[in-house]
Amino acid sequence: MGALTPLVIFDMFGLNQSGSITGLTHTVIIIPMLTGPIMAGLIFDLTDGYNLMFAITFGLLIVSILNFLMARVPTQTPRS
């Protein structure tokens, strides 16, 4: 979670939705933070090295970059 993330969320989605979206982004970030070290330890125990973990991390980085490049600013629809 960077320092600009809440600002970007507010700018893209407005004040009404910023709390819900911030909670969702925190959940998405916390899950890998909790499972990553355990997974790295298990992979090290099974393979005697971290090469597989680095490959998984690199693959997830590529997926993240592609998702970032495909993201678009949501369009505002007029409310009636």
Protein backbone atom coordinates (compact mmCIF):
# COMPACT_ATOMS: atom_id res chain seq x y z
CA MET A 1 0.00 0.00 0.00
CA GLY A 2 1.67 3.15 -1.19
CA ALA A 3 1.12 6.64 0.10
CA LEU A 4 -0.76 7.64 -3.06
CA THR A 5 -3.16 4.68 -3.10
CA PRO A 6 -5.93 6.34 -1.04
CA LEU A 7 -5.64 9.46 -3.20
CA VAL A 8 -5.94 7.44 -6.42
CA ILE A 9 -8.94 5.53 -5.04
CA PHE A 10 -10.66 8.76 -4.04
CA ASP A 11 -9.89 10.38 -7.40
CA MET A 12 -11.12 7.41 -9.44
CA PHE A 13 -14.19 6.37 -7.45
CA GLY A 14 -15.21 9.32 -5.31
CA LEU A 15 -15.74 9.74 -1.58
CA ASN A 16 -18.83 7.50 -1.31
CA GLN A 17 -17.05 4.36 -2.51
CA SER A 18 -13.52 5.03 -1.22
CA GLY A 19 -14.01 3.26 2.13
CA SER A 20 -15.30 0.03 0.58
CA ILE A 21 -12.63 -0.02 -2.11
CA THR A 22 -9.85 0.74 0.38
CA GLY A 23 -11.03 -2.17 2.54
CA LEU A 24 -11.05 -4.47 -0.47
CA THR A 25 -7.56 -3.43 -1.55
CA HIS A 26 -6.22 -3.95 1.98
CA THR A 27 -7.70 -7.47 2.00
CA VAL A 28 -6.11 -8.25 -1.36
CA ILE A 29 -2.73 -7.03 -0.08
CA ILE A 30 -2.85 -8.70 3.35
CA ILE A 31 -3.57 -12.24 2.09
CA PRO A 32 -0.22 -12.59 0.23
CA MET A 33 1.60 -10.90 3.12
CA LEU A 34 0.31 -13.61 5.46
CA THR A 35 0.73 -16.61 3.17
CA GLY A 36 3.93 -15.60 1.34
CA PRO A 37 6.47 -16.33 4.09
CA ILE A 38 4.79 -19.64 4.93
CA MET A 39 4.75 -20.62 1.25
CA ALA A 40 8.39 -19.59 0.84
CA GLY A 41 9.38 -21.71 3.84
CA LEU A 42 7.51 -24.73 2.53
CA ILE A 43 9.05 -24.35 -0.92
CA PHE A 44 12.51 -24.04 0.63
CA ASP A 45 11.94 -27.17 2.72
CA LEU A 46 10.75 -29.15 -0.30
CA THR A 47 13.32 -27.95 -2.86
CA ASP A 48 16.29 -26.81 -0.73
CA GLY A 49 16.24 -23.44 -2.47
CA TYR A 50 14.21 -20.39 -3.31
CA ASN A 51 14.33 -20.65 -7.12
CA LEU A 52 10.70 -21.81 -7.41
CA MET A 53 9.55 -19.03 -5.09
CA PHE A 54 11.36 -16.43 -7.17
CA ALA A 55 9.74 -17.84 -10.32
CA ILE A 56 6.28 -17.67 -8.72
CA THR A 57 6.94 -14.10 -7.55
CA PHE A 58 8.13 -13.09 -11.01
CA GLY A 59 5.03 -14.65 -12.60
CA LEU A 60 2.74 -12.79 -10.20
CA LEU A 61 4.65 -9.57 -10.94
CA ILE A 62 3.98 -10.02 -14.67
CA VAL A 63 0.26 -10.61 -13.99
CA SER A 64 0.20 -7.49 -11.80
CA ILE A 65 1.85 -5.36 -14.48
CA LEU A 66 -0.61 -6.59 -17.12
CA ASN A 67 -3.55 -5.81 -14.83
CA PHE A 68 -2.16 -2.35 -14.16
CA LEU A 69 -1.79 -1.68 -17.89
CA MET A 70 -5.38 -2.80 -18.58
CA ALA A 71 -6.92 -0.67 -15.81
CA ARG A 72 -9.04 2.23 -16.98
CA VAL A 73 -10.59 5.15 -15.15
CA PRO A 74 -14.28 4.37 -14.62
CA THR A 75 -16.72 6.56 -16.52
CA GLN A 76 -19.19 8.67 -14.60
CA THR A 77 -22.83 7.94 -15.39
CA PRO A 78 -25.37 10.68 -14.74
CA ARG A 79 -27.67 9.96 -11.79
CA SER A 80 -31.38 10.46 -12.23
